[in-house]
Amino acid sequence: MFAKLLIQLHRLQSWMGYRILFLLARVVHRLPLGMALAFGRGLAWVGPRLSARHVRRISQDIALAYGLDPSCAEVRRIAYASYTRLGESLMEFFRLPYMTREEITQWAHLEGTEHVEAALARGKGVIVMTAHLGNWEVCGTLMGMSGYPTTAIARAQGDTAITELFNRVREAHGLKVVPMTDVRECIRVLKRNECLGILGDLNARPPGLFVQFFGRPASTYLGTAYLAQLTGAAILPLFDERLPDHTHRVRIGAPIPLSDTGDRQRDLLITTMRAQEAIEREVRRRPEDWYWLLQRWKTRPQDTPDAARIPMEHRDLTPEEAAAYRAWDTQESPVG
């Protein structure tokens, strides 16, 4: 009986959340930016107080990532700051379709397009890999406006109407969206020598591959490395950063080196590790900007039936491969 009550309560919370999102999408663009951001911060103040369970969960992840006590002040600061950034980003997201291109380019700046130009010159397409960092939706908008044909992979939401709403917003300024299950279309995008946007920090349900993220095994989708290996496309890291004046800087970095040992499985592993390292370094630099509610470590190694997909501590790499990975790891961040 108690379990049924919890299920009903969860469904009610989800229904209320969806209705709030639809309401925000209708009205938030009518507010001045400063007022909209203040409203987002207000929602961010309410959110964790309505769901202490989520706060405990992300506090545990932050503490484990940084080796801190979950109750310490720094963990609480990062947790509540991440809610604030999320509230602000949500307000900005729903304003995007109503902003002109001139307004967007004055508010958000795209840097590093020379890396896209160089990669496209090879004729094999470009994978722009980002993460739930800053306002990641701004990355898609700027790429859609950039003149480089760009398609982004998007995971479907729990409610079809919400998925359609989000995709309408994303496609308002030239970006195309494809579901993450449509691998063939992703390959076609790269074969056309276009850009494919991928979020690289999602927790992968089985059969994900476990690699180190903040020193802990994290189940990771192989799609980025697989598509690069299959098509020869370059992988460019792309991250948004919110500046103190609430403008945005979106930076495209130099290509992440693709492993080419001749062993397909090992190359997938090493390239995936390198991509995760690029994300981790950005998160370490500004942890309050990351979306800790992702549950990055939700899938656990002990729950995975195929033990061969758990190369923890590089145990499936030769000493030479591990040394090569760490040598790249010590270089300057590909975005910087």
Protein backbone atom coordinates (compact mmCIF):
# COMPACT_ATOMS: atom_id res chain seq x y z
CA MET A 1 0.00 0.00 0.00
CA PHE A 2 2.81 2.41 0.91
CA ALA A 3 4.65 1.58 -2.33
CA LYS A 4 1.54 2.35 -4.38
CA LEU A 5 1.18 5.66 -2.59
CA LEU A 6 4.77 6.58 -3.45
CA ILE A 7 4.17 5.71 -7.11
CA GLN A 8 1.08 7.91 -7.23
CA LEU A 9 2.96 10.75 -5.55
CA HIS A 10 5.78 10.47 -8.10
CA ARG A 11 3.27 10.58 -10.97
CA LEU A 12 1.62 13.65 -9.46
CA GLN A 13 4.99 15.39 -9.13
CA SER A 14 5.80 14.56 -12.77
CA TRP A 15 2.42 15.86 -13.97
CA MET A 16 2.85 19.09 -12.03
CA GLY A 17 6.39 19.50 -13.38
CA TYR A 18 5.22 19.10 -16.98
CA ARG A 19 2.41 21.64 -16.51
CA ILE A 20 4.88 24.13 -15.05
CA LEU A 21 7.21 23.65 -18.04
CA PHE A 22 4.42 24.33 -20.52
CA LEU A 23 3.41 27.45 -18.59
CA LEU A 24 7.00 28.72 -18.53
CA ALA A 25 7.37 28.14 -22.27
CA ARG A 26 4.34 30.39 -22.84
CA VAL A 27 5.20 33.31 -20.57
CA VAL A 28 8.92 33.54 -19.78
CA HIS A 29 9.88 35.20 -23.08
CA ARG A 30 7.67 38.16 -22.14
CA LEU A 31 9.90 38.99 -19.18
CA PRO A 32 13.10 41.07 -19.42
CA LEU A 33 16.18 38.84 -19.22
CA GLY A 34 17.14 40.03 -15.73
CA MET A 35 13.65 39.35 -14.39
CA ALA A 36 13.52 35.94 -16.10
CA LEU A 37 16.86 34.93 -14.56
CA ALA A 38 15.69 36.09 -11.14
CA PHE A 39 12.55 33.99 -11.56
CA GLY A 40 14.73 31.00 -12.52
CA ARG A 41 16.81 31.50 -9.37
CA GLY A 42 13.58 31.57 -7.38
CA LEU A 43 12.53 28.23 -8.85
CA ALA A 44 16.01 26.91 -8.06
CA TRP A 45 15.55 27.96 -4.42
CA VAL A 46 12.21 26.16 -4.19
CA GLY A 47 13.22 23.00 -6.08
CA PRO A 48 15.65 21.41 -3.61
CA ARG A 49 13.38 22.29 -0.71
CA LEU A 50 10.55 20.36 -2.31
CA SER A 51 12.69 17.30 -2.92
CA ALA A 52 15.31 16.71 -0.25
CA ARG A 53 15.89 13.26 -1.77
CA HIS A 54 17.43 14.78 -4.90
CA VAL A 55 19.64 17.08 -2.85
CA ARG A 56 20.96 14.13 -0.84
CA ARG A 57 21.62 12.19 -4.01
CA ILE A 58 23.62 14.88 -5.78
CA SER A 59 25.43 15.75 -2.54
CA GLN A 60 26.58 12.15 -2.31
CA ASP A 61 27.84 12.24 -5.90
CA ILE A 62 29.67 15.52 -5.36
CA ALA A 63 31.23 14.20 -2.15
CA LEU A 64 32.37 10.98 -3.82
CA ALA A 65 33.76 12.83 -6.84
CA TYR A 66 35.85 15.20 -4.73
CA GLY A 67 36.54 13.00 -1.71
CA LEU A 68 34.55 15.23 0.68
CA ASP A 69 32.06 14.72 3.48
CA PRO A 70 28.50 14.95 2.04
CA SER A 71 27.50 17.33 4.83
CA CYS A 72 30.40 19.77 4.41
CA ALA A 73 29.85 23.38 3.35
CA GLU A 74 31.61 23.04 0.00
CA VAL A 75 29.38 20.16 -1.08
CA ARG A 76 26.27 22.14 -0.12
CA ARG A 77 27.58 25.17 -2.00
CA ILE A 78 28.14 23.21 -5.22
CA ALA A 79 24.79 21.43 -4.91
CA TYR A 80 22.71 24.57 -4.43
CA ALA A 81 24.73 26.55 -6.98
CA SER A 82 24.04 23.85 -9.57
CA TYR A 83 20.32 24.28 -8.95
CA THR A 84 20.71 28.03 -9.46
CA ARG A 85 22.51 27.54 -12.77
CA LEU A 86 19.83 25.09 -13.89
CA GLY A 87 17.03 27.54 -13.07
CA GLU A 88 18.75 30.31 -15.02
CA SER A 89 19.43 28.00 -17.96
CA LEU A 90 15.81 26.90 -18.13
CA MET A 91 14.64 30.49 -18.39
CA GLU A 92 17.18 31.19 -21.14
CA PHE A 93 16.18 28.05 -23.01
CA PHE A 94 12.53 29.03 -23.28
CA ARG A 95 13.48 32.54 -24.42
CA LEU A 96 15.62 31.30 -27.33
CA PRO A 97 12.88 30.89 -29.99
CA TYR A 98 11.76 34.51 -29.43
CA MET A 99 15.23 36.04 -29.68
CA THR A 100 16.55 37.38 -32.96
CA ARG A 101 19.86 36.21 -34.34
CA GLU A 102 21.34 39.61 -33.56
CA GLU A 103 20.21 39.38 -29.94
CA ILE A 104 21.65 35.89 -29.59
CA THR A 105 25.04 36.76 -31.11
CA GLN A 106 25.35 39.78 -28.80
CA TRP A 107 24.52 37.60 -25.79
CA ALA A 108 26.42 34.40 -26.66
CA HIS A 109 29.76 34.14 -28.46
CA LEU A 110 31.12 31.17 -30.39
CA GLU A 111 34.90 30.70 -30.35
CA GLY A 112 37.19 28.18 -32.02
CA THR A 113 35.40 27.80 -35.35
CA GLU A 114 38.80 27.36 -36.99
CA HIS A 115 38.79 23.83 -35.56
CA VAL A 116 35.48 23.12 -37.32
CA GLU A 117 36.82 24.54 -40.57
CA ALA A 118 39.93 22.36 -40.39
CA ALA A 119 37.93 19.24 -39.55
CA LEU A 120 35.38 19.80 -42.32
CA ALA A 121 38.21 20.31 -44.80
CA ARG A 122 39.01 16.61 -44.33
CA GLY A 123 35.58 15.75 -45.74
CA LYS A 124 34.64 13.20 -43.07
CA GLY A 125 32.26 15.17 -40.89
CA VAL A 126 32.63 16.51 -37.37
CA ILE A 127 31.39 15.21 -34.05
CA VAL A 128 30.96 18.11 -31.63
CA MET A 129 30.87 16.58 -28.18
CA THR A 130 29.46 18.61 -25.33
CA ALA A 131 28.15 17.95 -21.82
CA HIS A 132 25.43 19.14 -19.45
CA LEU A 133 27.64 22.05 -18.50
CA GLY A 134 26.73 25.72 -18.40
CA ASN A 135 23.72 26.16 -20.66
CA TRP A 136 24.39 23.34 -23.10
CA GLU A 137 21.34 24.26 -25.18
CA VAL A 138 23.10 27.50 -26.16
CA CYS A 139 25.77 25.36 -27.83
CA GLY A 140 23.18 23.83 -30.15
CA THR A 141 21.63 27.19 -30.95
CA LEU A 142 24.96 28.78 -31.88
CA MET A 143 25.97 25.80 -33.99
CA GLY A 144 22.61 25.94 -35.75
CA MET A 145 23.20 29.62 -36.54
CA SER A 146 26.86 29.20 -37.44
CA GLY A 147 26.42 28.24 -41.08
CA TYR A 148 27.75 24.74 -40.43
CA PRO A 149 24.88 22.27 -40.96
CA THR A 150 24.44 20.70 -37.53
CA THR A 151 22.27 17.87 -36.24
CA ALA A 152 22.05 17.14 -32.51
CA ILE A 153 21.27 13.81 -30.91
CA ALA A 154 18.54 14.19 -28.28
CA ARG A 155 17.25 11.68 -25.77
CA ALA A 156 13.46 11.48 -25.57
CA GLN A 157 11.81 12.77 -22.39
CA GLY A 158 9.36 10.72 -20.36
CA ASP A 159 6.45 12.64 -21.89
CA THR A 160 6.07 12.88 -25.68
CA ALA A 161 4.61 16.40 -25.50
CA ILE A 162 7.66 17.60 -23.52
CA THR A 163 10.01 16.01 -26.08
CA GLU A 164 8.19 17.82 -28.89
CA LEU A 165 8.27 21.11 -26.97
CA PHE A 166 12.01 20.86 -26.30
CA ASN A 167 12.77 19.94 -29.90
CA ARG A 168 10.73 22.87 -31.24
CA VAL A 169 12.81 25.20 -29.11
CA ARG A 170 16.06 23.54 -30.22
CA GLU A 171 15.17 23.75 -33.91
CA ALA A 172 14.11 27.41 -33.81
CA HIS A 173 17.44 28.70 -35.18
CA GLY A 174 18.58 26.11 -37.70
CA LEU A 175 19.63 23.16 -35.55
CA LYS A 176 18.23 19.77 -36.55
CA VAL A 177 17.41 17.10 -33.96
CA VAL A 178 17.57 13.34 -34.34
CA PRO A 179 16.66 10.73 -31.67
CA MET A 180 19.60 8.90 -30.16
CA THR A 181 18.19 5.60 -31.45
CA ASP A 182 18.58 6.66 -35.11
CA VAL A 183 22.18 5.57 -35.67
CA ARG A 184 21.77 5.42 -39.44
CA GLU A 185 20.84 9.09 -39.66
CA CYS A 186 23.82 9.97 -37.46
CA ILE A 187 26.10 8.17 -39.92
CA ARG A 188 24.43 9.91 -42.86
CA VAL A 189 25.04 13.31 -41.24
CA LEU A 190 28.76 12.60 -41.01
CA LYS A 191 28.89 11.10 -44.51
CA ARG A 192 27.46 14.41 -45.77
CA ASN A 193 30.43 16.13 -44.09
CA GLU A 194 28.20 17.91 -41.58
CA CYS A 195 28.37 18.38 -37.79
CA LEU A 196 26.80 15.96 -35.33
CA GLY A 197 26.23 17.13 -31.75
CA ILE A 198 26.49 14.56 -28.95
CA LEU A 199 26.11 14.90 -25.18
CA GLY A 200 28.96 12.80 -23.82
CA ASP A 201 28.20 12.72 -20.10
CA LEU A 202 25.05 10.58 -19.97
CA ASN A 203 24.89 7.48 -17.79
CA ALA A 204 24.68 4.56 -20.21
CA ARG A 205 22.27 1.79 -19.50
CA PRO A 206 23.63 -1.67 -20.34
CA PRO A 207 25.46 -2.29 -22.59
CA GLY A 208 27.53 0.76 -21.72
CA LEU A 209 31.28 0.62 -21.29
CA PHE A 210 32.71 1.47 -17.88
CA VAL A 211 35.54 4.01 -17.88
CA GLN A 212 36.92 6.22 -15.17
CA PHE A 213 35.14 9.51 -14.47
CA PHE A 214 36.38 11.35 -11.39
CA GLY A 215 38.20 8.16 -10.49
CA ARG A 216 35.01 6.08 -10.37
CA PRO A 217 33.74 3.60 -12.98
CA ALA A 218 31.00 5.31 -14.99
CA SER A 219 28.91 3.50 -17.59
CA THR A 220 29.48 5.39 -20.85
CA TYR A 221 27.94 5.25 -24.30
CA LEU A 222 30.39 4.23 -27.02
CA GLY A 223 28.56 6.22 -29.72
CA THR A 224 31.06 9.08 -29.94
CA ALA A 225 34.09 6.83 -30.35
CA TYR A 226 32.21 4.33 -32.53
CA LEU A 227 30.99 6.96 -35.01
CA ALA A 228 34.44 8.54 -35.18
CA GLN A 229 36.04 5.15 -35.78
CA LEU A 230 33.45 4.20 -38.42
CA THR A 231 33.47 7.43 -40.42
CA GLY A 232 36.83 9.02 -39.64
CA ALA A 233 35.09 12.11 -38.24
CA ALA A 234 37.01 14.35 -35.86
CA ILE A 235 35.76 14.73 -32.27
CA LEU A 236 35.76 18.36 -31.16
CA PRO A 237 34.94 19.26 -27.53
CA LEU A 238 32.36 22.05 -27.26
CA PHE A 239 31.44 23.63 -23.91
CA ASP A 240 29.38 26.60 -22.81
CA GLU A 241 30.45 28.85 -19.95
CA ARG A 242 28.22 31.40 -18.26
CA LEU A 243 30.16 34.62 -17.63
CA PRO A 244 29.62 36.94 -14.63
CA ASP A 245 27.52 39.36 -16.70
CA HIS A 246 25.23 36.44 -17.73
CA THR A 247 26.50 36.38 -21.29
CA HIS A 248 27.82 33.08 -22.64
CA ARG A 249 31.07 31.93 -24.17
CA VAL A 250 30.88 28.73 -26.21
CA ARG A 251 34.31 27.31 -26.98
CA ILE A 252 35.20 24.72 -29.58
CA GLY A 253 38.47 22.97 -28.83
CA ALA A 254 41.11 21.12 -30.81
CA PRO A 255 40.32 17.52 -31.83
CA ILE A 256 40.46 14.82 -29.20
CA PRO A 257 43.09 12.31 -30.43
CA LEU A 258 41.56 9.12 -31.83
CA SER A 259 43.29 5.90 -30.87
CA ASP A 260 44.47 3.85 -33.84
CA THR A 261 46.23 0.73 -32.61
CA GLY A 262 44.53 -1.61 -35.07
CA ASP A 263 42.58 -3.29 -32.26
CA ARG A 264 39.00 -2.01 -32.65
CA GLN A 265 37.86 -2.69 -29.09
CA ARG A 266 40.93 -1.15 -27.50
CA ASP A 267 40.68 1.89 -29.74
CA LEU A 268 37.05 2.39 -28.71
CA LEU A 269 38.09 2.16 -25.07
CA ILE A 270 40.99 4.61 -25.32
CA THR A 271 39.07 7.17 -27.39
CA THR A 272 36.14 6.97 -24.96
CA MET A 273 38.51 7.51 -22.04
CA ARG A 274 40.00 10.58 -23.70
CA ALA A 275 36.58 12.05 -24.41
CA GLN A 276 35.51 11.54 -20.79
CA GLU A 277 38.72 13.12 -19.58
CA ALA A 278 37.99 16.25 -21.64
CA ILE A 279 34.59 16.52 -19.94
CA GLU A 280 35.96 15.80 -16.48
CA ARG A 281 38.54 18.57 -16.71
CA GLU A 282 35.84 21.10 -17.56
CA VAL A 283 33.63 19.93 -14.70
CA ARG A 284 36.53 20.07 -12.24
CA ARG A 285 37.22 23.65 -13.28
CA ARG A 286 33.64 24.79 -12.52
CA PRO A 287 31.66 22.04 -10.77
CA GLU A 288 28.70 24.27 -9.95
CA ASP A 289 28.00 24.56 -13.70
CA TRP A 290 27.48 20.82 -14.19
CA TYR A 291 24.08 19.13 -14.05
CA TRP A 292 24.72 16.82 -11.08
CA LEU A 293 21.15 15.50 -11.25
CA LEU A 294 22.29 13.35 -14.18
CA GLN A 295 23.15 10.45 -11.83
CA ARG A 296 26.32 9.85 -13.82
CA TRP A 297 27.23 6.79 -11.73
CA LYS A 298 23.74 5.29 -11.48
CA THR A 299 24.58 2.12 -13.43
CA ARG A 300 26.94 0.07 -11.29
CA PRO A 301 29.54 -2.47 -12.44
CA GLN A 302 28.10 -5.17 -10.19
CA ASP A 303 24.74 -4.84 -11.95
CA THR A 304 26.25 -5.41 -15.40
CA PRO A 305 26.00 -8.99 -16.71
CA ASP A 306 28.95 -8.65 -19.12
CA ALA A 307 32.10 -8.27 -17.03
CA ALA A 308 34.17 -7.72 -20.19
CA ARG A 309 32.67 -4.24 -20.44
CA ILE A 310 34.24 -3.13 -17.17
CA PRO A 311 37.88 -2.19 -17.88
CA MET A 312 38.31 -0.44 -14.54
CA GLU A 313 41.73 1.02 -13.71
CA HIS A 314 42.75 0.38 -17.35
CA ARG A 315 43.15 -3.33 -16.62
CA ASP A 316 42.30 -4.17 -20.25
CA LEU A 317 45.02 -1.91 -21.64
CA THR A 318 48.63 -2.79 -22.23
CA PRO A 319 51.14 -0.73 -20.22
CA GLU A 320 52.06 1.12 -23.43
CA GLU A 321 48.43 2.03 -24.15
CA ALA A 322 47.81 3.16 -20.60
CA ALA A 323 50.98 5.29 -20.69
CA ALA A 324 49.91 6.84 -24.00
CA TYR A 325 46.50 7.67 -22.55
CA ARG A 326 48.00 9.26 -19.45
CA ALA A 327 50.50 11.23 -21.57
CA TRP A 328 47.61 12.82 -23.45
CA ASP A 329 45.79 13.25 -20.14
CA THR A 330 48.57 15.49 -18.79
CA GLN A 331 48.46 17.88 -21.73
CA GLU A 332 46.64 21.18 -21.65
CA SER A 333 42.86 20.83 -21.89
CA PRO A 334 41.61 20.61 -25.49
CA VAL A 335 39.34 23.53 -24.63
CA GLY A 336 41.04 26.50 -23.11
